[in-house]
Amino acid sequence: MNDKLDFIFNLQKNLNQEIIDKRNLPPQEDESWISKYALAMYVEMGEMLNETNYKWWKNPMEVDKDALKEELVDVLHFYVSLCLALGMDAQELFALYEEKNKENILRQEGKGKKSGYALGEQA
């Protein structure tokens, strides 16, 4: 699995560089890219939401799952770009995810570093 994640990171790194080169974008600090990628990801999430029936004031439409998947992949593009701007590679993301997942499981069992997650537990 990690090989596919590495592959995605490499594809995204190459795409980002190609866009910078072809558009002759001036050098920017990673902090600037982080803001841009976060905003772009937010916009793509809005586009994904537009493919659902969240508007209770409109007649429901048939949800186009293929369009939802496409928007989700757009979100992933910018998510990976954010990781790269933060200096993360696929291995670090995987390790951090695995660590956080273990903590989330412990929280659900009332054994985590933060309280208020387990059923019946007071916050």
PDB file of N, CA and C in Angstrom:
ATOM      1  N   MET A   1       0.825  -1.199   0.000  1.00  0.00           N
ATOM      2  CA  MET A   1       0.000   0.000   0.000  1.00  0.00           C
ATOM      3  C   MET A   1       0.861   1.251   0.000  1.00  0.00           C
ATOM      4  N   ASN A   2       1.919   1.219   0.776  1.00  0.00           N
ATOM      5  CA  ASN A   2       2.764   2.397   0.856  1.00  0.00           C
ATOM      6  C   ASN A   2       3.368   2.747  -0.498  1.00  0.00           C
ATOM      7  N   ASP A   3       3.597   1.735  -1.345  1.00  0.00           N
ATOM      8  CA  ASP A   3       4.128   1.999  -2.673  1.00  0.00           C
ATOM      9  C   ASP A   3       3.174   2.870  -3.482  1.00  0.00           C
ATOM     10  N   LYS A   4       1.888   2.612  -3.379  1.00  0.00           N
ATOM     11  CA  LYS A   4       0.905   3.423  -4.102  1.00  0.00           C
ATOM     12  C   LYS A   4       0.872   4.839  -3.548  1.00  0.00           C
ATOM     13  N   LEU A   5       1.002   4.962  -2.241  1.00  0.00           N
ATOM     14  CA  LEU A   5       1.031   6.293  -1.638  1.00  0.00           C
ATOM     15  C   LEU A   5       2.282   7.046  -2.084  1.00  0.00           C
ATOM     16  N   ASP A   6       3.422   6.359  -2.122  1.00  0.00           N
ATOM     17  CA  ASP A   6       4.651   6.964  -2.656  1.00  0.00           C
ATOM     18  C   ASP A   6       4.434   7.426  -4.095  1.00  0.00           C
ATOM     19  N   PHE A   7       3.778   6.591  -4.879  1.00  0.00           N
ATOM     20  CA  PHE A   7       3.524   6.904  -6.281  1.00  0.00           C
ATOM     21  C   PHE A   7       2.667   8.163  -6.403  1.00  0.00           C
ATOM     22  N   ILE A   8       1.624   8.261  -5.585  1.00  0.00           N
ATOM     23  CA  ILE A   8       0.756   9.451  -5.590  1.00  0.00           C
ATOM     24  C   ILE A   8       1.567  10.693  -5.229  1.00  0.00           C
ATOM     25  N   PHE A   9       2.391  10.590  -4.196  1.00  0.00           N
ATOM     26  CA  PHE A   9       3.214  11.735  -3.791  1.00  0.00           C
ATOM     27  C   PHE A   9       4.143  12.164  -4.924  1.00  0.00           C
ATOM     28  N   ASN A  10       4.767  11.203  -5.602  1.00  0.00           N
ATOM     29  CA  ASN A  10       5.665  11.536  -6.714  1.00  0.00           C
ATOM     30  C   ASN A  10       4.916  12.164  -7.878  1.00  0.00           C
ATOM     31  N   LEU A  11       3.754  11.619  -8.206  1.00  0.00           N
ATOM     32  CA  LEU A  11       2.940  12.218  -9.272  1.00  0.00           C
ATOM     33  C   LEU A  11       2.592  13.663  -8.938  1.00  0.00           C
ATOM     34  N   GLN A  12       2.192  13.897  -7.691  1.00  0.00           N
ATOM     35  CA  GLN A  12       1.782  15.242  -7.301  1.00  0.00           C
ATOM     36  C   GLN A  12       2.965  16.207  -7.294  1.00  0.00           C
ATOM     37  N   LYS A  13       4.102  15.733  -6.809  1.00  0.00           N
ATOM     38  CA  LYS A  13       5.306  16.574  -6.807  1.00  0.00           C
ATOM     39  C   LYS A  13       5.653  16.994  -8.231  1.00  0.00           C
ATOM     40  N   ASN A  14       5.592  16.043  -9.165  1.00  0.00           N
ATOM     41  CA  ASN A  14       5.886  16.341 -10.569  1.00  0.00           C
ATOM     42  C   ASN A  14       4.857  17.284 -11.170  1.00  0.00           C
ATOM     43  N   LEU A  15       3.580  17.073 -10.864  1.00  0.00           N
ATOM     44  CA  LEU A  15       2.534  17.961 -11.379  1.00  0.00           C
ATOM     45  C   LEU A  15       2.727  19.379 -10.856  1.00  0.00           C
ATOM     46  N   ASN A  16       2.989  19.501  -9.559  1.00  0.00           N
ATOM     47  CA  ASN A  16       3.198  20.832  -8.983  1.00  0.00           C
ATOM     48  C   ASN A  16       4.354  21.546  -9.673  1.00  0.00           C
ATOM     49  N   GLN A  17       5.457  20.831  -9.889  1.00  0.00           N
ATOM     50  CA  GLN A  17       6.621  21.445 -10.531  1.00  0.00           C
ATOM     51  C   GLN A  17       6.322  21.814 -11.976  1.00  0.00           C
ATOM     52  N   GLU A  18       5.585  20.963 -12.664  1.00  0.00           N
ATOM     53  CA  GLU A  18       5.215  21.262 -14.057  1.00  0.00           C
ATOM     54  C   GLU A  18       4.360  22.526 -14.135  1.00  0.00           C
ATOM     55  N   ILE A  19       3.419  22.668 -13.226  1.00  0.00           N
ATOM     56  CA  ILE A  19       2.567  23.864 -13.203  1.00  0.00           C
ATOM     57  C   ILE A  19       3.413  25.103 -12.933  1.00  0.00           C
ATOM     58  N   ILE A  20       4.313  25.015 -11.964  1.00  0.00           N
ATOM     59  CA  ILE A  20       5.190  26.147 -11.633  1.00  0.00           C
ATOM     60  C   ILE A  20       6.039  26.522 -12.840  1.00  0.00           C
ATOM     61  N   ASP A  21       6.623  25.525 -13.491  1.00  0.00           N
ATOM     62  CA  ASP A  21       7.500  25.778 -14.639  1.00  0.00           C
ATOM     63  C   ASP A  21       6.733  26.344 -15.830  1.00  0.00           C
ATOM     64  N   LYS A  22       5.636  25.710 -16.203  1.00  0.00           N
ATOM     65  CA  LYS A  22       4.891  26.134 -17.397  1.00  0.00           C
ATOM     66  C   LYS A  22       4.240  27.497 -17.222  1.00  0.00           C
ATOM     67  N   ARG A  23       3.887  27.840 -16.002  1.00  0.00           N
ATOM     68  CA  ARG A  23       3.242  29.126 -15.745  1.00  0.00           C
ATOM     69  C   ARG A  23       4.236  30.192 -15.280  1.00  0.00           C
ATOM     70  N   ASN A  24       5.507  29.821 -15.261  1.00  0.00           N
ATOM     71  CA  ASN A  24       6.560  30.751 -14.837  1.00  0.00           C
ATOM     72  C   ASN A  24       6.219  31.435 -13.517  1.00  0.00           C
ATOM     73  N   LEU A  25       5.779  30.640 -12.563  1.00  0.00           N
ATOM     74  CA  LEU A  25       5.416  31.193 -11.262  1.00  0.00           C
ATOM     75  C   LEU A  25       6.674  31.559 -10.487  1.00  0.00           C
ATOM     76  N   PRO A  26       6.645  32.711  -9.823  1.00  0.00           N
ATOM     77  CA  PRO A  26       7.824  33.110  -9.045  1.00  0.00           C
ATOM     78  C   PRO A  26       7.987  32.210  -7.820  1.00  0.00           C
ATOM     79  N   PRO A  27       9.217  32.099  -7.328  1.00  0.00           N
ATOM     80  CA  PRO A  27       9.433  31.301  -6.112  1.00  0.00           C
ATOM     81  C   PRO A  27       8.579  31.839  -4.959  1.00  0.00           C
ATOM     82  N   GLN A  28       8.033  30.927  -4.179  1.00  0.00           N
ATOM     83  CA  GLN A  28       7.204  31.304  -3.038  1.00  0.00           C
ATOM     84  C   GLN A  28       7.612  30.468  -1.838  1.00  0.00           C
ATOM     85  N   GLU A  29       7.428  31.036  -0.675  1.00  0.00           N
ATOM     86  CA  GLU A  29       7.707  30.318   0.564  1.00  0.00           C
ATOM     87  C   GLU A  29       6.693  29.191   0.729  1.00  0.00           C
ATOM     88  N   ASP A  30       7.108  28.140   1.433  1.00  0.00           N
ATOM     89  CA  ASP A  30       6.193  27.030   1.693  1.00  0.00           C
ATOM     90  C   ASP A  30       4.929  27.505   2.397  1.00  0.00           C
ATOM     91  N   GLU A  31       5.054  28.490   3.284  1.00  0.00           N
ATOM     92  CA  GLU A  31       3.885  29.001   4.003  1.00  0.00           C
ATOM     93  C   GLU A  31       2.840  29.555   3.038  1.00  0.00           C
ATOM     94  N   SER A  32       3.299  30.214   1.987  1.00  0.00           N
ATOM     95  CA  SER A  32       2.379  30.741   0.974  1.00  0.00           C
ATOM     96  C   SER A  32       1.669  29.600   0.249  1.00  0.00           C
ATOM     97  N   TRP A  33       2.428  28.559  -0.105  1.00  0.00           N
ATOM     98  CA  TRP A  33       1.826  27.402  -0.769  1.00  0.00           C
ATOM     99  C   TRP A  33       0.839  26.695   0.150  1.00  0.00           C
ATOM    100  N   ILE A  34       1.155  26.617   1.430  1.00  0.00           N
ATOM    101  CA  ILE A  34       0.246  25.963   2.379  1.00  0.00           C
ATOM    102  C   ILE A  34      -1.099  26.665   2.369  1.00  0.00           C
ATOM    103  N   SER A  35      -1.084  27.989   2.402  1.00  0.00           N
ATOM    104  CA  SER A  35      -2.342  28.754   2.362  1.00  0.00           C
ATOM    105  C   SER A  35      -3.092  28.514   1.059  1.00  0.00           C
ATOM    106  N   LYS A  36      -2.366  28.547  -0.051  1.00  0.00           N
ATOM    107  CA  LYS A  36      -3.001  28.353  -1.362  1.00  0.00           C
ATOM    108  C   LYS A  36      -3.600  26.949  -1.487  1.00  0.00           C
ATOM    109  N   TYR A  37      -2.841  25.943  -1.087  1.00  0.00           N
ATOM    110  CA  TYR A  37      -3.335  24.569  -1.192  1.00  0.00           C
ATOM    111  C   TYR A  37      -4.511  24.323  -0.254  1.00  0.00           C
ATOM    112  N   ALA A  38      -4.461  24.894   0.944  1.00  0.00           N
ATOM    113  CA  ALA A  38      -5.573  24.719   1.888  1.00  0.00           C
ATOM    114  C   ALA A  38      -6.842  25.350   1.326  1.00  0.00           C
ATOM    115  N   LEU A  39      -6.717  26.541   0.748  1.00  0.00           N
ATOM    116  CA  LEU A  39      -7.879  27.203   0.159  1.00  0.00           C
ATOM    117  C   LEU A  39      -8.406  26.405  -1.030  1.00  0.00           C
ATOM    118  N   ALA A  40      -7.515  25.932  -1.881  1.00  0.00           N
ATOM    119  CA  ALA A  40      -7.937  25.144  -3.043  1.00  0.00           C
ATOM    120  C   ALA A  40      -8.642  23.866  -2.601  1.00  0.00           C
ATOM    121  N   MET A  41      -8.128  23.233  -1.554  1.00  0.00           N
ATOM    122  CA  MET A  41      -8.758  22.016  -1.041  1.00  0.00           C
ATOM    123  C   MET A  41     -10.150  22.331  -0.505  1.00  0.00           C
ATOM    124  N   TYR A  42     -10.271  23.453   0.184  1.00  0.00           N
ATOM    125  CA  TYR A  42     -11.564  23.892   0.715  1.00  0.00           C
ATOM    126  C   TYR A  42     -12.567  24.107  -0.424  1.00  0.00           C
ATOM    127  N   VAL A  43     -12.119  24.740  -1.499  1.00  0.00           N
ATOM    128  CA  VAL A  43     -12.989  24.985  -2.655  1.00  0.00           C
ATOM    129  C   VAL A  43     -13.414  23.662  -3.284  1.00  0.00           C
ATOM    130  N   GLU A  44     -12.484  22.734  -3.431  1.00  0.00           N
ATOM    131  CA  GLU A  44     -12.824  21.425  -4.008  1.00  0.00           C
ATOM    132  C   GLU A  44     -13.805  20.668  -3.118  1.00  0.00           C
ATOM    133  N   MET A  45     -13.684  20.827  -1.814  1.00  0.00           N
ATOM    134  CA  MET A  45     -14.644  20.185  -0.909  1.00  0.00           C
ATOM    135  C   MET A  45     -16.028  20.799  -1.094  1.00  0.00           C
ATOM    136  N   GLY A  46     -16.079  22.097  -1.355  1.00  0.00           N
ATOM    137  CA  GLY A  46     -17.350  22.742  -1.655  1.00  0.00           C
ATOM    138  C   GLY A  46     -17.948  22.212  -2.945  1.00  0.00           C
ATOM    139  N   GLU A  47     -17.100  21.997  -3.949  1.00  0.00           N
ATOM    140  CA  GLU A  47     -17.576  21.428  -5.209  1.00  0.00           C
ATOM    141  C   GLU A  47     -18.094  20.013  -4.990  1.00  0.00           C
ATOM    142  N   MET A  48     -17.431  19.275  -4.124  1.00  0.00           N
ATOM    143  CA  MET A  48     -17.892  17.927  -3.801  1.00  0.00           C
ATOM    144  C   MET A  48     -19.248  17.997  -3.104  1.00  0.00           C
ATOM    145  N   LEU A  49     -19.386  18.925  -2.190  1.00  0.00           N
ATOM    146  CA  LEU A  49     -20.648  19.097  -1.475  1.00  0.00           C
ATOM    147  C   LEU A  49     -21.778  19.464  -2.432  1.00  0.00           C
ATOM    148  N   ASN A  50     -21.464  20.244  -3.466  1.00  0.00           N
ATOM    149  CA  ASN A  50     -22.480  20.622  -4.451  1.00  0.00           C
ATOM    150  C   ASN A  50     -23.016  19.425  -5.226  1.00  0.00           C
ATOM    151  N   GLU A  51     -22.298  18.323  -5.204  1.00  0.00           N
ATOM    152  CA  GLU A  51     -22.748  17.100  -5.880  1.00  0.00           C
ATOM    153  C   GLU A  51     -23.673  16.265  -4.998  1.00  0.00           C
ATOM    154  N   THR A  52     -23.956  16.741  -3.791  1.00  0.00           N
ATOM    155  CA  THR A  52     -24.829  16.023  -2.859  1.00  0.00           C
ATOM    156  C   THR A  52     -26.133  16.790  -2.681  1.00  0.00           C
ATOM    157  N   ASN A  53     -27.001  16.253  -1.868  1.00  0.00           N
ATOM    158  CA  ASN A  53     -28.304  16.878  -1.604  1.00  0.00           C
ATOM    159  C   ASN A  53     -28.321  17.594  -0.260  1.00  0.00           C
ATOM    160  N   TYR A  54     -27.308  18.419  -0.001  1.00  0.00           N
ATOM    161  CA  TYR A  54     -27.278  19.119   1.280  1.00  0.00           C
ATOM    162  C   TYR A  54     -28.247  20.303   1.324  1.00  0.00           C
ATOM    163  N   LYS A  55     -28.711  20.754   0.165  1.00  0.00           N
ATOM    164  CA  LYS A  55     -29.616  21.912   0.121  1.00  0.00           C
ATOM    165  C   LYS A  55     -31.044  21.454   0.385  1.00  0.00           C
ATOM    166  N   TRP A  56     -31.462  21.568   1.620  1.00  0.00           N
ATOM    167  CA  TRP A  56     -32.796  21.112   2.003  1.00  0.00           C
ATOM    168  C   TRP A  56     -33.891  21.949   1.358  1.00  0.00           C
ATOM    169  N   TRP A  57     -33.559  23.116   0.839  1.00  0.00           N
ATOM    170  CA  TRP A  57     -34.530  24.005   0.226  1.00  0.00           C
ATOM    171  C   TRP A  57     -34.717  23.721  -1.263  1.00  0.00           C
ATOM    172  N   LYS A  58     -33.984  22.740  -1.799  1.00  0.00           N
ATOM    173  CA  LYS A  58     -34.114  22.357  -3.205  1.00  0.00           C
ATOM    174  C   LYS A  58     -34.664  20.949  -3.304  1.00  0.00           C
ATOM    175  N   ASN A  59     -35.282  20.671  -4.452  1.00  0.00           N
ATOM    176  CA  ASN A  59     -35.717  19.302  -4.712  1.00  0.00           C
ATOM    177  C   ASN A  59     -34.484  18.412  -4.836  1.00  0.00           C
ATOM    178  N   PRO A  60     -34.531  17.227  -4.238  1.00  0.00           N
ATOM    179  CA  PRO A  60     -33.361  16.341  -4.314  1.00  0.00           C
ATOM    180  C   PRO A  60     -33.084  15.902  -5.748  1.00  0.00           C
ATOM    181  N   MET A  61     -31.823  15.721  -6.032  1.00  0.00           N
ATOM    182  CA  MET A  61     -31.393  15.249  -7.349  1.00  0.00           C
ATOM    183  C   MET A  61     -30.750  13.878  -7.169  1.00  0.00           C
ATOM    184  N   GLU A  62     -30.589  13.199  -8.276  1.00  0.00           N
ATOM    185  CA  GLU A  62     -29.860  11.940  -8.211  1.00  0.00           C
ATOM    186  C   GLU A  62     -28.379  12.271  -8.019  1.00  0.00           C
ATOM    187  N   VAL A  63     -27.776  11.653  -7.039  1.00  0.00           N
ATOM    188  CA  VAL A  63     -26.372  11.921  -6.752  1.00  0.00           C
ATOM    189  C   VAL A  63     -25.495  11.189  -7.764  1.00  0.00           C
ATOM    190  N   ASP A  64     -24.609  11.946  -8.379  1.00  0.00           N
ATOM    191  CA  ASP A  64     -23.674  11.402  -9.363  1.00  0.00           C
ATOM    192  C   ASP A  64     -22.401  10.981  -8.620  1.00  0.00           C
ATOM    193  N   LYS A  65     -22.313   9.709  -8.297  1.00  0.00           N
ATOM    194  CA  LYS A  65     -21.170   9.224  -7.511  1.00  0.00           C
ATOM    195  C   LYS A  65     -19.850   9.376  -8.263  1.00  0.00           C
ATOM    196  N   ASP A  66     -19.882   9.289  -9.580  1.00  0.00           N
ATOM    197  CA  ASP A  66     -18.647   9.483 -10.344  1.00  0.00           C
ATOM    198  C   ASP A  66     -18.144  10.919 -10.197  1.00  0.00           C
ATOM    199  N   ALA A  67     -19.065  11.881 -10.220  1.00  0.00           N
ATOM    200  CA  ALA A  67     -18.682  13.284 -10.024  1.00  0.00           C
ATOM    201  C   ALA A  67     -18.142  13.496  -8.610  1.00  0.00           C
ATOM    202  N   LEU A  68     -18.766  12.849  -7.631  1.00  0.00           N
ATOM    203  CA  LEU A  68     -18.276  12.929  -6.250  1.00  0.00           C
ATOM    204  C   LEU A  68     -16.858  12.374  -6.143  1.00  0.00           C
ATOM    205  N   LYS A  69     -16.624  11.255  -6.785  1.00  0.00           N
ATOM    206  CA  LYS A  69     -15.288  10.642  -6.749  1.00  0.00           C
ATOM    207  C   LYS A  69     -14.253  11.559  -7.399  1.00  0.00           C
ATOM    208  N   GLU A  70     -14.635  12.190  -8.505  1.00  0.00           N
ATOM    209  CA  GLU A  70     -13.714  13.098  -9.187  1.00  0.00           C
ATOM    210  C   GLU A  70     -13.347  14.275  -8.290  1.00  0.00           C
ATOM    211  N   GLU A  71     -14.344  14.839  -7.616  1.00  0.00           N
ATOM    212  CA  GLU A  71     -14.075  15.953  -6.703  1.00  0.00           C
ATOM    213  C   GLU A  71     -13.217  15.495  -5.531  1.00  0.00           C
ATOM    214  N   LEU A  72     -13.453  14.290  -5.049  1.00  0.00           N
ATOM    215  CA  LEU A  72     -12.658  13.757  -3.946  1.00  0.00           C
ATOM    216  C   LEU A  72     -11.193  13.592  -4.360  1.00  0.00           C
ATOM    217  N   VAL A  73     -10.967  13.179  -5.592  1.00  0.00           N
ATOM    218  CA  VAL A  73      -9.597  13.067  -6.096  1.00  0.00           C
ATOM    219  C   VAL A  73      -8.960  14.454  -6.193  1.00  0.00           C
ATOM    220  N   ASP A  74      -9.738  15.466  -6.578  1.00  0.00           N
ATOM    221  CA  ASP A  74      -9.221  16.837  -6.586  1.00  0.00           C
ATOM    222  C   ASP A  74      -8.796  17.259  -5.179  1.00  0.00           C
ATOM    223  N   VAL A  75      -9.606  16.904  -4.179  1.00  0.00           N
ATOM    224  CA  VAL A  75      -9.252  17.194  -2.786  1.00  0.00           C
ATOM    225  C   VAL A  75      -7.925  16.510  -2.448  1.00  0.00           C
ATOM    226  N   LEU A  76      -7.782  15.267  -2.871  1.00  0.00           N
ATOM    227  CA  LEU A  76      -6.551  14.525  -2.598  1.00  0.00           C
ATOM    228  C   LEU A  76      -5.337  15.206  -3.226  1.00  0.00           C
ATOM    229  N   HIS A  77      -5.498  15.721  -4.445  1.00  0.00           N
ATOM    230  CA  HIS A  77      -4.395  16.441  -5.095  1.00  0.00           C
ATOM    231  C   HIS A  77      -3.879  17.555  -4.186  1.00  0.00           C
ATOM    232  N   PHE A  78      -4.787  18.358  -3.675  1.00  0.00           N
ATOM    233  CA  PHE A  78      -4.362  19.488  -2.850  1.00  0.00           C
ATOM    234  C   PHE A  78      -3.924  19.043  -1.461  1.00  0.00           C
ATOM    235  N   TYR A  79      -4.491  17.960  -0.951  1.00  0.00           N
ATOM    236  CA  TYR A  79      -4.059  17.413   0.335  1.00  0.00           C
ATOM    237  C   TYR A  79      -2.598  16.960   0.247  1.00  0.00           C
ATOM    238  N   VAL A  80      -2.277  16.235  -0.803  1.00  0.00           N
ATOM    239  CA  VAL A  80      -0.900  15.770  -0.981  1.00  0.00           C
ATOM    240  C   VAL A  80       0.028  16.960  -1.207  1.00  0.00           C
ATOM    241  N   SER A  81      -0.432  17.963  -1.935  1.00  0.00           N
ATOM    242  CA  SER A  81       0.374  19.172  -2.120  1.00  0.00           C
ATOM    243  C   SER A  81       0.662  19.843  -0.781  1.00  0.00           C
ATOM    244  N   LEU A  82      -0.324  19.855   0.100  1.00  0.00           N
ATOM    245  CA  LEU A  82      -0.112  20.393   1.449  1.00  0.00           C
ATOM    246  C   LEU A  82       0.956  19.593   2.186  1.00  0.00           C
ATOM    247  N   CYS A  83       0.865  18.291   2.110  1.00  0.00           N
ATOM    248  CA  CYS A  83       1.873  17.434   2.754  1.00  0.00           C
ATOM    249  C   CYS A  83       3.262  17.771   2.229  1.00  0.00           C
ATOM    250  N   LEU A  84       3.383  17.878   0.917  1.00  0.00           N
ATOM    251  CA  LEU A  84       4.677  18.176   0.309  1.00  0.00           C
ATOM    252  C   LEU A  84       5.194  19.543   0.746  1.00  0.00           C
ATOM    253  N   ALA A  85       4.310  20.534   0.810  1.00  0.00           N
ATOM    254  CA  ALA A  85       4.714  21.874   1.242  1.00  0.00           C
ATOM    255  C   ALA A  85       5.183  21.870   2.694  1.00  0.00           C
ATOM    256  N   LEU A  86       4.670  20.930   3.480  1.00  0.00           N
ATOM    257  CA  LEU A  86       5.096  20.793   4.874  1.00  0.00           C
ATOM    258  C   LEU A  86       6.345  19.922   5.014  1.00  0.00           C
ATOM    259  N   GLY A  87       6.858  19.443   3.887  1.00  0.00           N
ATOM    260  CA  GLY A  87       8.058  18.618   3.911  1.00  0.00           C
ATOM    261  C   GLY A  87       7.793  17.166   4.253  1.00  0.00           C
ATOM    262  N   MET A  88       6.534  16.759   4.180  1.00  0.00           N
ATOM    263  CA  MET A  88       6.180  15.374   4.501  1.00  0.00           C
ATOM    264  C   MET A  88       6.290  14.497   3.266  1.00  0.00           C
ATOM    265  N   ASP A  89       6.733  13.278   3.473  1.00  0.00           N
ATOM    266  CA  ASP A  89       6.682  12.294   2.404  1.00  0.00           C
ATOM    267  C   ASP A  89       5.623  11.248   2.757  1.00  0.00           C
ATOM    268  N   ALA A  90       5.451  10.287   1.883  1.00  0.00           N
ATOM    269  CA  ALA A  90       4.409   9.274   2.085  1.00  0.00           C
ATOM    270  C   ALA A  90       4.643   8.475   3.360  1.00  0.00           C
ATOM    271  N   GLN A  91       5.908   8.177   3.659  1.00  0.00           N
ATOM    272  CA  GLN A  91       6.205   7.386   4.859  1.00  0.00           C
ATOM    273  C   GLN A  91       5.835   8.145   6.130  1.00  0.00           C
ATOM    274  N   GLU A  92       6.162   9.438   6.161  1.00  0.00           N
ATOM    275  CA  GLU A  92       5.829  10.224   7.354  1.00  0.00           C
ATOM    276  C   GLU A  92       4.323  10.341   7.521  1.00  0.00           C
ATOM    277  N   LEU A  93       3.611  10.584   6.411  1.00  0.00           N
ATOM    278  CA  LEU A  93       2.153  10.664   6.488  1.00  0.00           C
ATOM    279  C   LEU A  93       1.585   9.353   7.005  1.00  0.00           C
ATOM    280  N   PHE A  94       2.069   8.244   6.478  1.00  0.00           N
ATOM    281  CA  PHE A  94       1.586   6.936   6.909  1.00  0.00           C
ATOM    282  C   PHE A  94       1.852   6.727   8.396  1.00  0.00           C
ATOM    283  N   ALA A  95       3.056   7.053   8.848  1.00  0.00           N
ATOM    284  CA  ALA A  95       3.413   6.869  10.261  1.00  0.00           C
ATOM    285  C   ALA A  95       2.555   7.746  11.168  1.00  0.00           C
ATOM    286  N   LEU A  96       2.348   8.999  10.773  1.00  0.00           N
ATOM    287  CA  LEU A  96       1.519   9.902  11.578  1.00  0.00           C
ATOM    288  C   LEU A  96       0.063   9.443  11.598  1.00  0.00           C
ATOM    289  N   TYR A  97      -0.425   8.975  10.457  1.00  0.00           N
ATOM    290  CA  TYR A  97      -1.794   8.465  10.388  1.00  0.00           C
ATOM    291  C   TYR A  97      -1.954   7.254  11.299  1.00  0.00           C
ATOM    292  N   GLU A  98      -1.001   6.335  11.208  1.00  0.00           N
ATOM    293  CA  GLU A  98      -1.067   5.115  12.011  1.00  0.00           C
ATOM    294  C   GLU A  98      -1.064   5.451  13.508  1.00  0.00           C
ATOM    295  N   GLU A  99      -0.200   6.385  13.898  1.00  0.00           N
ATOM    296  CA  GLU A  99      -0.113   6.805  15.302  1.00  0.00           C
ATOM    297  C   GLU A  99      -1.421   7.455  15.760  1.00  0.00           C
ATOM    298  N   LYS A 100      -1.955   8.349  14.940  1.00  0.00           N
ATOM    299  CA  LYS A 100      -3.197   9.044  15.298  1.00  0.00           C
ATOM    300  C   LYS A 100      -4.370   8.074  15.329  1.00  0.00           C
ATOM    301  N   ASN A 101      -4.379   7.099  14.425  1.00  0.00           N
ATOM    302  CA  ASN A 101      -5.448   6.107  14.405  1.00  0.00           C
ATOM    303  C   ASN A 101      -5.461   5.300  15.702  1.00  0.00           C
ATOM    304  N   LYS A 102      -4.277   4.921  16.174  1.00  0.00           N
ATOM    305  CA  LYS A 102      -4.189   4.194  17.448  1.00  0.00           C
ATOM    306  C   LYS A 102      -4.734   5.043  18.591  1.00  0.00           C
ATOM    307  N   GLU A 103      -4.377   6.325  18.602  1.00  0.00           N
ATOM    308  CA  GLU A 103      -4.876   7.234  19.642  1.00  0.00           C
ATOM    309  C   GLU A 103      -6.396   7.363  19.554  1.00  0.00           C
ATOM    310  N   ASN A 104      -6.939   7.460  18.339  1.00  0.00           N
ATOM    311  CA  ASN A 104      -8.391   7.578  18.183  1.00  0.00           C
ATOM    312  C   ASN A 104      -9.110   6.341  18.711  1.00  0.00           C
ATOM    313  N   ILE A 105      -8.532   5.177  18.490  1.00  0.00           N
ATOM    314  CA  ILE A 105      -9.122   3.940  19.028  1.00  0.00           C
ATOM    315  C   ILE A 105      -9.087   3.971  20.549  1.00  0.00           C
ATOM    316  N   LEU A 106      -7.949   4.376  21.111  1.00  0.00           N
ATOM    317  CA  LEU A 106      -7.839   4.474  22.573  1.00  0.00           C
ATOM    318  C   LEU A 106      -8.851   5.469  23.138  1.00  0.00           C
ATOM    319  N   ARG A 107      -9.058   6.566  22.444  1.00  0.00           N
ATOM    320  CA  ARG A 107     -10.043   7.559  22.900  1.00  0.00           C
ATOM    321  C   ARG A 107     -11.443   6.957  22.958  1.00  0.00           C
ATOM    322  N   GLN A 108     -11.790   6.182  21.953  1.00  0.00           N
ATOM    323  CA  GLN A 108     -13.113   5.558  21.938  1.00  0.00           C
ATOM    324  C   GLN A 108     -13.271   4.570  23.083  1.00  0.00           C
ATOM    325  N   GLU A 109     -12.163   4.033  23.555  1.00  0.00           N
ATOM    326  CA  GLU A 109     -12.181   3.091  24.678  1.00  0.00           C
ATOM    327  C   GLU A 109     -12.018   3.798  26.020  1.00  0.00           C
ATOM    328  N   GLY A 110     -11.906   5.140  25.989  1.00  0.00           N
ATOM    329  CA  GLY A 110     -11.712   5.900  27.221  1.00  0.00           C
ATOM    330  C   GLY A 110     -10.298   5.822  27.760  1.00  0.00           C
ATOM    331  N   LYS A 111      -9.340   5.447  26.915  1.00  0.00           N
ATOM    332  CA  LYS A 111      -7.954   5.260  27.354  1.00  0.00           C
ATOM    333  C   LYS A 111      -6.991   6.239  26.680  1.00  0.00           C
ATOM    334  N   GLY A 112      -7.504   7.184  25.934  1.00  0.00           N
ATOM    335  CA  GLY A 112      -6.642   8.093  25.186  1.00  0.00           C
ATOM    336  C   GLY A 112      -6.101   9.229  26.024  1.00  0.00           C
ATOM    337  N   LYS A 113      -5.306  10.063  25.382  1.00  0.00           N
ATOM    338  CA  LYS A 113      -4.693  11.212  26.049  1.00  0.00           C
ATOM    339  C   LYS A 113      -5.723  12.288  26.371  1.00  0.00           C
ATOM    340  N   LYS A 114      -6.824  12.308  25.639  1.00  0.00           N
ATOM    341  CA  LYS A 114      -7.905  13.270  25.886  1.00  0.00           C
ATOM    342  C   LYS A 114      -9.145  12.513  26.311  1.00  0.00           C
ATOM    343  N   SER A 115      -9.906  13.122  27.183  1.00  0.00           N
ATOM    344  CA  SER A 115     -11.138  12.472  27.641  1.00  0.00           C
ATOM    345  C   SER A 115     -12.337  13.021  26.884  1.00  0.00           C
ATOM    346  N   GLY A 116     -13.476  12.369  27.095  1.00  0.00           N
ATOM    347  CA  GLY A 116     -14.720  12.844  26.505  1.00  0.00           C
ATOM    348  C   GLY A 116     -15.113  12.152  25.216  1.00  0.00           C
ATOM    349  N   TYR A 117     -14.443  11.083  24.858  1.00  0.00           N
ATOM    350  CA  TYR A 117     -14.733  10.384  23.611  1.00  0.00           C
ATOM    351  C   TYR A 117     -15.485   9.072  23.818  1.00  0.00           C
ATOM    352  N   ALA A 118     -15.232   8.402  24.924  1.00  0.00           N
ATOM    353  CA  ALA A 118     -15.838   7.093  25.163  1.00  0.00           C
ATOM    354  C   ALA A 118     -17.317   7.240  25.467  1.00  0.00           C
ATOM    355  N   LEU A 119     -18.109   6.276  25.003  1.00  0.00           N
ATOM    356  CA  LEU A 119     -19.540   6.289  25.287  1.00  0.00           C
ATOM    357  C   LEU A 119     -19.754   6.271  26.790  1.00  0.00           C
ATOM    358  N   GLY A 120     -20.656   7.123  27.265  1.00  0.00           N
ATOM    359  CA  GLY A 120     -20.982   7.181  28.679  1.00  0.00           C
ATOM    360  C   GLY A 120     -20.001   7.992  29.502  1.00  0.00           C
ATOM    361  N   GLU A 121     -18.959   8.521  28.873  1.00  0.00           N
ATOM    362  CA  GLU A 121     -17.943   9.291  29.590  1.00  0.00           C
ATOM    363  C   GLU A 121     -18.305  10.774  29.575  1.00  0.00           C
ATOM    364  N   GLN A 122     -18.131  11.428  30.682  1.00  0.00           N
ATOM    365  CA  GLN A 122     -18.362  12.866  30.771  1.00  0.00           C
ATOM    366  C   GLN A 122     -17.141  13.605  30.218  1.00  0.00           C
ATOM    367  N   ALA A 123     -17.406  14.658  29.478  1.00  0.00           N
ATOM    368  CA  ALA A 123     -16.303  15.459  28.913  1.00  0.00           C
ATOM    369  C   ALA A 123     -15.647  16.316  29.972  1.00  0.00           C
TER     370      ALA A 123
END
